[in-house]
Amino acid sequence: MSAHVLPAALRLVLAHKQRTSARLRFLRLPHGISAFEPLPHAAAFDDDAGPGKVVLHPQCGLQAAERHLRLIPGTLKPESEFAATLRSPAGAITVRLALIDTVDPPFAAAAAVGGRFVTITEARDVHPLELELLRRAYTALMG
């Protein structure tokens, strides 16, 4: 259903931060938190990527994600404080964070793709790599 929504070298972590309470939730899909395809099993953080490393800009991915989720254009906003590079047998994967800019999480849009919004504590059972991505995303958003 979701094959090739984004370029193969790009994944998104989608988050919603409640404006009034600062409650932070992440979109969890049936396979995990990487939108919209699972991360390769052999993927690992490439912390040696360093500041000079070229990473994919998320804008084309945000537009594709908005279309896939049937969100109004401009609903997804890139979070510039977060970027992760993963290495995998298929090559480098850039993971970017996007905030869903709505009053409430788009629960119906999430359900339409088999997903739901969860807090970081509700995601403790995801793959350790994804849990670390969530931890880093949480730190970028909450400080």
Protein backbone atom coordinates (compact mmCIF):
# COMPACT_ATOMS: atom_id res chain seq x y z
CA MET A 1 0.00 0.00 0.00
CA SER A 2 2.71 2.49 0.92
CA ALA A 3 5.53 1.32 -1.32
CA HIS A 4 7.68 4.14 -2.62
CA VAL A 5 5.78 7.05 -1.15
CA LEU A 6 9.18 8.61 -0.38
CA PRO A 7 12.58 8.22 -2.05
CA ALA A 8 14.26 4.99 -0.90
CA ALA A 9 16.99 6.98 0.87
CA LEU A 10 14.53 9.06 2.94
CA ARG A 11 12.37 8.23 5.94
CA LEU A 12 10.32 10.56 8.08
CA VAL A 13 9.40 10.53 11.73
CA LEU A 14 6.08 12.35 12.00
CA ALA A 15 5.17 14.05 15.27
CA HIS A 16 2.37 16.20 16.64
CA LYS A 17 2.95 18.61 19.51
CA GLN A 18 -0.19 19.88 21.22
CA ARG A 19 -0.06 23.67 21.32
CA THR A 20 -1.78 24.10 24.67
CA SER A 21 -0.30 21.22 26.66
CA ALA A 22 2.90 20.43 24.71
CA ARG A 23 1.83 16.76 24.64
CA LEU A 24 4.01 15.08 22.06
CA ARG A 25 2.81 12.11 20.01
CA PHE A 26 4.40 10.24 17.14
CA LEU A 27 2.75 8.52 14.20
CA ARG A 28 3.19 4.79 14.60
CA LEU A 29 2.52 2.66 11.55
CA PRO A 30 1.99 -1.12 11.53
CA HIS A 31 5.71 -1.71 10.86
CA GLY A 32 7.03 0.98 13.23
CA ILE A 33 7.68 4.71 13.29
CA SER A 34 9.54 5.25 10.02
CA ALA A 35 7.22 6.67 7.41
CA PHE A 36 6.32 4.97 5.21
CA GLU A 37 8.43 1.85 4.89
CA PRO A 38 10.24 -0.21 7.51
CA LEU A 39 13.90 0.44 8.08
CA PRO A 40 16.17 -2.34 6.83
CA HIS A 41 16.92 -4.87 9.60
CA ALA A 42 20.66 -4.30 9.25
CA ALA A 43 20.41 -0.49 9.45
CA ALA A 44 22.50 1.29 12.07
CA PHE A 45 23.29 4.88 12.99
CA ASP A 46 26.09 6.45 11.02
CA ASP A 47 27.24 8.87 13.69
CA ASP A 48 30.46 9.36 11.73
CA ALA A 49 28.46 11.11 8.99
CA GLY A 50 29.56 14.41 10.53
CA PRO A 51 28.55 18.00 9.83
CA GLY A 52 29.89 18.06 6.26
CA LYS A 53 27.78 15.10 5.15
CA VAL A 54 25.13 15.81 2.52
CA VAL A 55 21.63 14.77 3.65
CA LEU A 56 18.37 14.81 1.76
CA HIS A 57 16.20 17.87 2.25
CA PRO A 58 12.79 16.68 3.42
CA GLN A 59 10.61 19.05 1.36
CA CYS A 60 9.77 16.63 -1.48
CA GLY A 61 9.18 13.95 1.13
CA LEU A 62 6.85 16.19 3.11
CA GLN A 63 4.70 16.90 0.08
CA ALA A 64 4.54 13.19 -0.79
CA ALA A 65 3.65 12.34 2.83
CA GLU A 66 0.89 14.98 2.87
CA ARG A 67 -0.59 13.49 -0.31
CA HIS A 68 -0.31 9.95 1.08
CA LEU A 69 -2.02 10.93 4.34
CA ARG A 70 -4.50 13.19 2.51
CA LEU A 71 -3.46 16.20 4.57
CA ILE A 72 -3.84 19.81 3.47
CA PRO A 73 -0.68 21.01 1.69
CA GLY A 74 1.62 22.77 4.13
CA THR A 75 0.45 20.72 7.13
CA LEU A 76 3.85 19.07 7.61
CA LYS A 77 6.69 21.32 8.75
CA PRO A 78 10.33 20.17 8.77
CA GLU A 79 12.11 20.23 12.12
CA SER A 80 15.55 21.60 11.31
CA GLU A 81 17.05 20.52 14.66
CA PHE A 82 16.80 16.84 13.75
CA ALA A 83 18.51 14.76 11.09
CA ALA A 84 19.91 11.28 11.37
CA THR A 85 21.87 9.23 8.90
CA LEU A 86 21.61 5.46 8.91
CA ARG A 87 23.80 3.06 7.03
CA SER A 88 22.28 -0.06 5.53
CA PRO A 89 23.26 -2.70 2.97
CA ALA A 90 21.21 -0.73 0.40
CA GLY A 91 23.06 2.53 1.15
CA ALA A 92 22.64 5.57 3.35
CA ILE A 93 19.20 6.53 4.64
CA THR A 94 18.43 10.03 5.83
CA VAL A 95 15.81 10.27 8.58
CA ARG A 96 14.14 13.64 9.05
CA LEU A 97 11.56 14.83 11.56
CA ALA A 98 8.38 16.63 10.55
CA LEU A 99 5.79 18.27 12.79
CA ILE A 100 2.13 17.99 11.93
CA ASP A 101 0.85 21.55 12.19
CA THR A 102 -2.77 21.00 13.25
CA VAL A 103 -4.68 21.72 16.44
CA ASP A 104 -5.20 18.01 17.13
CA PRO A 105 -3.42 15.00 15.64
CA PRO A 106 -5.07 13.84 12.41
CA PHE A 107 -6.35 10.60 13.90
CA ALA A 108 -8.49 9.67 10.86
CA ALA A 109 -5.56 10.18 8.45
CA ALA A 110 -3.39 7.95 10.63
CA ALA A 111 -6.06 5.26 10.85
CA ALA A 112 -6.54 5.33 7.06
CA VAL A 113 -2.94 4.11 6.63
CA GLY A 114 -3.15 1.66 9.54
CA GLY A 115 -1.41 3.97 11.99
CA ARG A 116 -2.10 5.69 15.28
CA PHE A 117 -0.55 8.40 17.40
CA VAL A 118 1.45 7.28 20.43
CA THR A 119 3.54 8.89 23.13
CA ILE A 120 7.18 7.88 23.39
CA THR A 121 6.38 5.64 26.38
CA GLU A 122 3.73 3.81 24.34
CA ALA A 123 6.40 2.96 21.76
CA ARG A 124 8.74 1.05 24.05
CA ASP A 125 8.22 -2.14 22.06
CA VAL A 126 9.47 -0.81 18.70
CA HIS A 127 12.82 -1.91 17.29
CA PRO A 128 15.72 -0.47 19.35
CA LEU A 129 16.92 1.60 16.37
CA GLU A 130 13.50 3.22 16.05
CA LEU A 131 13.30 3.77 19.80
CA GLU A 132 16.61 5.65 19.60
CA LEU A 133 15.23 7.71 16.69
CA LEU A 134 12.22 8.58 18.87
CA ARG A 135 14.49 9.53 21.77
CA ARG A 136 16.53 11.82 19.54
CA ALA A 137 13.39 13.34 18.02
CA TYR A 138 11.90 13.89 21.47
CA THR A 139 15.10 15.62 22.61
CA ALA A 140 15.11 17.85 19.50
CA LEU A 141 11.51 18.90 20.10
CA MET A 142 11.43 19.19 23.88
CA GLY A 143 15.02 20.24 24.56
